[in-house]
C-alpha atoms as a PDB file:
ATOM      1  CA  MET A   1      38.744  76.286  92.863  1.00  0.00           C
ATOM      2  CA  GLY A   2      37.014  73.504  94.789  1.00  0.00           C
ATOM      3  CA  ILE A   3      36.452  73.356  98.514  1.00  0.00           C
ATOM      4  CA  ASN A   4      39.026  70.553  98.893  1.00  0.00           C
ATOM      5  CA  THR A   5      41.715  72.794  97.410  1.00  0.00           C
ATOM      6  CA  VAL A   6      40.902  75.570  99.860  1.00  0.00           C
ATOM      7  CA  ASN A   7      40.837  73.159 102.796  1.00  0.00           C
ATOM      8  CA  SER A   8      44.097  71.595 101.670  1.00  0.00           C
ATOM      9  CA  GLY A   9      45.690  75.050 101.422  1.00  0.00           C
ATOM     10  CA  GLU A  10      44.386  76.026 104.842  1.00  0.00           C
ATOM     11  CA  GLN A  11      45.734  72.789 106.339  1.00  0.00           C
ATOM     12  CA  VAL A  12      49.186  73.406 104.873  1.00  0.00           C
ATOM     13  CA  ASP A  13      49.117  76.980 106.198  1.00  0.00           C
ATOM     14  CA  ARG A  14      48.092  75.849 109.685  1.00  0.00           C
ATOM     15  CA  GLN A  15      50.693  73.109 109.752  1.00  0.00           C
ATOM     16  CA  SER A  16      53.347  75.572 108.565  1.00  0.00           C
ATOM     17  CA  ARG A  17      52.375  78.037 111.298  1.00  0.00           C
ATOM     18  CA  ILE A  18      52.590  75.285 113.898  1.00  0.00           C
ATOM     19  CA  LEU A  19      56.006  74.143 112.679  1.00  0.00           C
ATOM     20  CA  GLU A  20      57.256  77.723 112.505  1.00  0.00           C
ATOM     21  CA  ALA A  21      56.067  78.272 116.081  1.00  0.00           C
ATOM     22  CA  ALA A  22      57.905  75.118 117.191  1.00  0.00           C
ATOM     23  CA  LEU A  23      61.080  76.339 115.468  1.00  0.00           C
ATOM     24  CA  ASP A  24      60.743  79.769 117.094  1.00  0.00           C
ATOM     25  CA  LEU A  25      60.381  78.195 120.523  1.00  0.00           C
ATOM     26  CA  LEU A  26      63.309  75.860 119.868  1.00  0.00           C
ATOM     27  CA  SER A  27      65.496  78.790 118.850  1.00  0.00           C
ATOM     28  CA  ARG A  28      64.638  80.762 121.988  1.00  0.00           C
ATOM     29  CA  HIS A  29      64.326  78.084 124.670  1.00  0.00           C
ATOM     30  CA  GLY A  30      65.595  74.770 123.330  1.00  0.00           C
ATOM     31  CA  ILE A  31      63.573  71.597 123.626  1.00  0.00           C
ATOM     32  CA  SER A  32      62.529  72.399 127.198  1.00  0.00           C
ATOM     33  CA  GLY A  33      60.577  75.404 125.885  1.00  0.00           C
ATOM     34  CA  VAL A  34      58.598  73.318 123.417  1.00  0.00           C
ATOM     35  CA  SER A  35      55.315  71.853 124.586  1.00  0.00           C
ATOM     36  CA  MET A  36      52.136  71.279 122.630  1.00  0.00           C
ATOM     37  CA  ARG A  37      50.442  74.043 124.611  1.00  0.00           C
ATOM     38  CA  ALA A  38      53.314  76.522 124.110  1.00  0.00           C
ATOM     39  CA  VAL A  39      53.377  75.791 120.368  1.00  0.00           C
ATOM     40  CA  ALA A  40      49.615  76.317 120.105  1.00  0.00           C
ATOM     41  CA  ARG A  41      49.924  79.637 121.933  1.00  0.00           C
ATOM     42  CA  GLU A  42      52.882  80.732 119.775  1.00  0.00           C
ATOM     43  CA  ALA A  43      51.095  79.729 116.544  1.00  0.00           C
ATOM     44  CA  GLY A  44      47.832  81.351 117.604  1.00  0.00           C
ATOM     45  CA  VAL A  45      45.845  78.147 117.152  1.00  0.00           C
ATOM     46  CA  ALA A  46      43.840  75.884 119.420  1.00  0.00           C
ATOM     47  CA  LEU A  47      45.707  73.147 121.279  1.00  0.00           C
ATOM     48  CA  GLY A  48      43.398  70.607 119.651  1.00  0.00           C
ATOM     49  CA  LEU A  49      44.670  71.660 116.224  1.00  0.00           C
ATOM     50  CA  VAL A  50      48.283  71.020 117.226  1.00  0.00           C
ATOM     51  CA  ASN A  51      47.215  67.610 118.550  1.00  0.00           C
ATOM     52  CA  TYR A  52      45.316  66.957 115.310  1.00  0.00           C
ATOM     53  CA  TYR A  53      48.470  67.350 113.200  1.00  0.00           C
ATOM     54  CA  PHE A  54      51.035  65.942 115.647  1.00  0.00           C
ATOM     55  CA  ASP A  55      50.647  63.009 118.025  1.00  0.00           C
ATOM     56  CA  ASP A  56      53.019  64.362 120.641  1.00  0.00           C
ATOM     57  CA  LYS A  57      55.959  66.650 121.285  1.00  0.00           C
ATOM     58  CA  MET A  58      58.418  64.176 119.749  1.00  0.00           C
ATOM     59  CA  SER A  59      56.532  63.944 116.451  1.00  0.00           C
ATOM     60  CA  LEU A  60      56.338  67.740 116.370  1.00  0.00           C
ATOM     61  CA  ILE A  61      60.094  68.073 116.925  1.00  0.00           C
ATOM     62  CA  ARG A  62      60.762  65.432 114.248  1.00  0.00           C
ATOM     63  CA  ALA A  63      58.587  67.363 111.784  1.00  0.00           C
ATOM     64  CA  ALA A  64      60.431  70.582 112.664  1.00  0.00           C
ATOM     65  CA  LEU A  65      63.775  68.869 112.028  1.00  0.00           C
ATOM     66  CA  HIS A  66      62.542  67.610 108.662  1.00  0.00           C
ATOM     67  CA  SER A  67      61.426  71.123 107.706  1.00  0.00           C
ATOM     68  CA  VAL A  68      64.945  72.427 108.464  1.00  0.00           C
ATOM     69  CA  ASP A  69      66.306  69.566 106.351  1.00  0.00           C
ATOM     70  CA  GLU A  70      64.103  70.655 103.427  1.00  0.00           C
ATOM     71  CA  HIS A  71      65.301  74.230 103.851  1.00  0.00           C
ATOM     72  CA  ASP A  72      68.940  73.104 103.828  1.00  0.00           C
ATOM     73  CA  LEU A  73      68.402  71.094 100.646  1.00  0.00           C
ATOM     74  CA  GLY A  74      67.124  74.290  99.055  1.00  0.00           C
ATOM     75  CA  LEU A  75      70.509  75.883  99.774  1.00  0.00           C
ATOM     76  CA  VAL A  76      72.198  73.387  97.435  1.00  0.00           C
ATOM     77  CA  ALA A  77      69.366  73.010  94.929  1.00  0.00           C
ATOM     78  CA  PRO A  78      70.547  73.286  91.328  1.00  0.00           C
ATOM     79  CA  ASP A  79      69.353  76.214  89.246  1.00  0.00           C
ATOM     80  CA  PRO A  80      69.199  75.077  85.594  1.00  0.00           C
ATOM     81  CA  SER A  81      69.140  78.690  84.387  1.00  0.00           C
ATOM     82  CA  LEU A  82      72.781  79.070  85.517  1.00  0.00           C
ATOM     83  CA  THR A  83      76.004  77.467  84.353  1.00  0.00           C
ATOM     84  CA  PRO A  84      77.385  74.726  86.654  1.00  0.00           C
ATOM     85  CA  GLU A  85      80.031  77.134  87.989  1.00  0.00           C
ATOM     86  CA  GLU A  86      77.411  79.821  88.694  1.00  0.00           C
ATOM     87  CA  GLN A  87      75.178  77.257  90.432  1.00  0.00           C
ATOM     88  CA  LEU A  88      78.015  76.262  92.746  1.00  0.00           C
ATOM     89  CA  ARG A  89      78.961  79.867  93.519  1.00  0.00           C
ATOM     90  CA  LYS A  90      75.321  80.719  94.220  1.00  0.00           C
ATOM     91  CA  ALA A  91      75.036  77.806  96.671  1.00  0.00           C
ATOM     92  CA  LEU A  92      78.248  78.857  98.425  1.00  0.00           C
ATOM     93  CA  HIS A  93      76.894  82.390  98.843  1.00  0.00           C
ATOM     94  CA  ARG A  94      73.398  81.304  99.982  1.00  0.00           C
ATOM     95  CA  VAL A  95      74.661  80.170 103.385  1.00  0.00           C
ATOM     96  CA  ALA A  96      75.628  83.757 104.175  1.00  0.00           C
ATOM     97  CA  GLY A  97      72.193  85.118 103.322  1.00  0.00           C
ATOM     98  CA  ALA A  98      70.772  87.763 105.614  1.00  0.00           C
ATOM     99  CA  ASP A  99      67.998  85.376 106.697  1.00  0.00           C
ATOM    100  CA  LEU A 100      70.549  82.817 107.906  1.00  0.00           C
ATOM    101  CA  LEU A 101      72.971  85.101 109.716  1.00  0.00           C
ATOM    102  CA  THR A 102      70.413  86.042 112.353  1.00  0.00           C
ATOM    103  CA  THR A 103      70.501  85.251 116.045  1.00  0.00           C
ATOM    104  CA  ARG A 104      67.201  83.369 115.713  1.00  0.00           C
ATOM    105  CA  TYR A 105      68.453  81.089 112.946  1.00  0.00           C
ATOM    106  CA  LEU A 106      71.901  80.518 114.410  1.00  0.00           C
ATOM    107  CA  SER A 107      70.438  79.803 117.843  1.00  0.00           C
ATOM    108  CA  LEU A 108      68.073  77.319 116.226  1.00  0.00           C
ATOM    109  CA  ARG A 109      71.028  75.569 114.564  1.00  0.00           C
ATOM    110  CA  LEU A 110      72.823  75.281 117.908  1.00  0.00           C
ATOM    111  CA  HIS A 111      69.744  73.806 119.566  1.00  0.00           C
ATOM    112  CA  LEU A 112      69.256  71.339 116.703  1.00  0.00           C
ATOM    113  CA  TRP A 113      72.881  70.206 116.944  1.00  0.00           C
ATOM    114  CA  ALA A 114      72.445  69.784 120.700  1.00  0.00           C
ATOM    115  CA  LEU A 115      69.248  67.768 120.142  1.00  0.00           C
ATOM    116  CA  ALA A 116      71.146  65.458 117.818  1.00  0.00           C
ATOM    117  CA  GLN A 117      73.624  64.771 120.632  1.00  0.00           C
ATOM    118  CA  ALA A 118      70.916  64.183 123.223  1.00  0.00           C
ATOM    119  CA  HIS A 119      68.454  61.903 121.436  1.00  0.00           C
ATOM    120  CA  GLU A 120      69.074  58.927 119.164  1.00  0.00           C
ATOM    121  CA  ASP A 121      66.055  59.555 116.915  1.00  0.00           C
ATOM    122  CA  PHE A 122      67.014  63.200 116.409  1.00  0.00           C
ATOM    123  CA  ALA A 123      70.619  62.140 115.763  1.00  0.00           C
ATOM    124  CA  ARG A 124      69.442  59.866 112.925  1.00  0.00           C
ATOM    125  CA  ILE A 125      67.349  62.650 111.384  1.00  0.00           C
ATOM    126  CA  ASN A 126      70.248  65.097 111.685  1.00  0.00           C
ATOM    127  CA  ALA A 127      72.772  62.631 110.215  1.00  0.00           C
ATOM    128  CA  ALA A 128      70.504  61.824 107.260  1.00  0.00           C
ATOM    129  CA  ALA A 129      69.908  65.535 106.650  1.00  0.00           C
ATOM    130  CA  PHE A 130      73.637  66.224 106.819  1.00  0.00           C
ATOM    131  CA  ASP A 131      74.318  63.445 104.287  1.00  0.00           C
ATOM    132  CA  ARG A 132      71.692  64.830 101.907  1.00  0.00           C
ATOM    133  CA  TYR A 133      73.171  68.324 102.171  1.00  0.00           C
ATOM    134  CA  LEU A 134      76.683  66.946 101.564  1.00  0.00           C
ATOM    135  CA  ASP A 135      75.425  64.930  98.587  1.00  0.00           C
ATOM    136  CA  GLY A 136      73.753  68.030  97.131  1.00  0.00           C
ATOM    137  CA  LEU A 137      76.878  70.121  97.578  1.00  0.00           C
ATOM    138  CA  ALA A 138      79.129  67.341  96.219  1.00  0.00           C
ATOM    139  CA  THR A 139      76.858  67.083  93.155  1.00  0.00           C
ATOM    140  CA  LEU A 140      77.229  70.818  92.522  1.00  0.00           C
ATOM    141  CA  VAL A 141      81.013  70.495  92.862  1.00  0.00           C
ATOM    142  CA  SER A 142      81.020  67.512  90.502  1.00  0.00           C
ATOM    143  CA  THR A 143      78.862  69.282  87.920  1.00  0.00           C
ATOM    144  CA  ALA A 144      81.113  72.340  87.995  1.00  0.00           C
ATOM    145  CA  HIS A 145      84.274  70.178  88.044  1.00  0.00           C
ATOM    146  CA  PRO A 146      83.420  67.039  86.003  1.00  0.00           C
ATOM    147  CA  ALA A 147      87.019  65.779  86.018  1.00  0.00           C
ATOM    148  CA  LEU A 148      87.035  65.336  89.799  1.00  0.00           C
ATOM    149  CA  PRO A 149      86.501  61.834  91.158  1.00  0.00           C
ATOM    150  CA  PRO A 150      83.359  61.429  93.321  1.00  0.00           C
ATOM    151  CA  LYS A 151      85.362  60.962  96.537  1.00  0.00           C
ATOM    152  CA  GLU A 152      87.214  64.240  96.006  1.00  0.00           C
ATOM    153  CA  CYS A 153      83.912  66.037  95.337  1.00  0.00           C
ATOM    154  CA  ARG A 154      82.542  64.642  98.593  1.00  0.00           C
ATOM    155  CA  ASP A 155      85.738  65.552 100.488  1.00  0.00           C
ATOM    156  CA  ARG A 156      85.561  69.104  99.162  1.00  0.00           C
ATOM    157  CA  ALA A 157      81.904  69.345 100.157  1.00  0.00           C
ATOM    158  CA  ALA A 158      82.806  68.198 103.691  1.00  0.00           C
ATOM    159  CA  ASP A 159      85.632  70.773 103.901  1.00  0.00           C
ATOM    160  CA  ILE A 160      83.272  73.505 102.707  1.00  0.00           C
ATOM    161  CA  VAL A 161      80.712  72.568 105.378  1.00  0.00           C
ATOM    162  CA  VAL A 162      83.374  72.940 108.085  1.00  0.00           C
ATOM    163  CA  VAL A 163      84.012  76.515 106.923  1.00  0.00           C
ATOM    164  CA  GLN A 164      80.274  77.235 106.622  1.00  0.00           C
ATOM    165  CA  ASN A 165      79.504  75.929 110.103  1.00  0.00           C
ATOM    166  CA  GLY A 166      82.410  77.909 111.516  1.00  0.00           C
ATOM    167  CA  MET A 167      81.064  81.036 109.838  1.00  0.00           C
ATOM    168  CA  TRP A 168      77.609  80.412 111.327  1.00  0.00           C
ATOM    169  CA  LEU A 169      78.961  79.820 114.814  1.00  0.00           C
ATOM    170  CA  THR A 170      81.206  82.849 114.831  1.00  0.00           C
ATOM    171  CA  ALA A 171      78.465  85.040 113.342  1.00  0.00           C
ATOM    172  CA  LEU A 172      76.766  84.768 116.752  1.00  0.00           C
ATOM    173  CA  LEU A 173      79.778  86.592 118.190  1.00  0.00           C
ATOM    174  CA  GLY A 174      79.282  89.513 115.846  1.00  0.00           C
ATOM    175  CA  ILE A 175      81.665  88.536 113.049  1.00  0.00           C
ATOM    176  CA  ASP A 176      82.072  91.376 110.555  1.00  0.00           C
ATOM    177  CA  LYS A 177      80.990  91.312 106.916  1.00  0.00           C
ATOM    178  CA  ALA A 178      84.575  91.259 105.663  1.00  0.00           C
ATOM    179  CA  ALA A 179      85.245  88.041 107.602  1.00  0.00           C
ATOM    180  CA  ILE A 180      82.087  86.488 106.169  1.00  0.00           C
ATOM    181  CA  GLN A 181      83.222  87.418 102.661  1.00  0.00           C
ATOM    182  CA  ARG A 182      86.626  85.852 103.359  1.00  0.00           C
ATOM    183  CA  SER A 183      84.869  82.682 104.519  1.00  0.00           C
ATOM    184  CA  ILE A 184      82.828  82.530 101.323  1.00  0.00           C
ATOM    185  CA  ALA A 185      86.000  83.144  99.296  1.00  0.00           C
ATOM    186  CA  ARG A 186      87.620  80.259 101.169  1.00  0.00           C
ATOM    187  CA  THR A 187      84.751  77.924 100.252  1.00  0.00           C
ATOM    188  CA  GLU A 188      85.156  78.989  96.615  1.00  0.00           C
ATOM    189  CA  GLN A 189      88.880  78.217  96.779  1.00  0.00           C
ATOM    190  CA  ILE A 190      88.077  74.745  98.080  1.00  0.00           C
ATOM    191  CA  ALA A 191      85.357  74.157  95.498  1.00  0.00           C
ATOM    192  CA  PHE A 192      87.272  75.395  92.460  1.00  0.00           C
ATOM    193  CA  ALA A 193      90.803  74.227  93.316  1.00  0.00           C
ATOM    194  CA  PRO A 194      92.555  72.151  90.663  1.00  0.00           C
ATOM    195  CA  PRO A 195      92.295  68.369  91.092  1.00  0.00           C
ATOM    196  CA  ARG A 196      94.693  66.867  93.611  1.00  0.00           C
ATOM    197  CA  ASP A 197      97.504  64.727  92.247  1.00  0.00           C
ATOM    198  CA  ASN A 198      96.845  61.087  93.031  1.00  0.00           C
END
């Protein structure tokens, strides 16, 4: 392994730690709790290193939003080792994973949604991320249900997201596991329903 590979790996690790620190601060304090200095302290790195990777607070927040976008795309990523129906079911269950139904994650989602309402640049990032997630989910629906027209696949994906977001929001209130399972079952009903009559 060459020195460039090690340095590249170290850079990715440092950047990841910085982004993770920014996300942690966002989840606990919102955007007002995120400063370059606070992120450096949270990540356990020098302030100069945060400034090396990110020009300012806004570029850091944008990068954090993009990292959440990448995570969300992973929720609807196809798994070629499974049948199309199994891939769709797996994606529908992923959103209720133990790592997502935590106060930290759900609080982060609320802050990100609020950021999208408060700042035009963040709204664009959030809207593009939402479209990519919907496209990924609609593709899974289409692959599992090839007879469905594309618009119906997209409509079903949008309906599923409403249920998923509702589940996330109410999980903050201490929703029980049975209710979460009913929510997942509801998304499966939407996804696997027979085609609508046109």
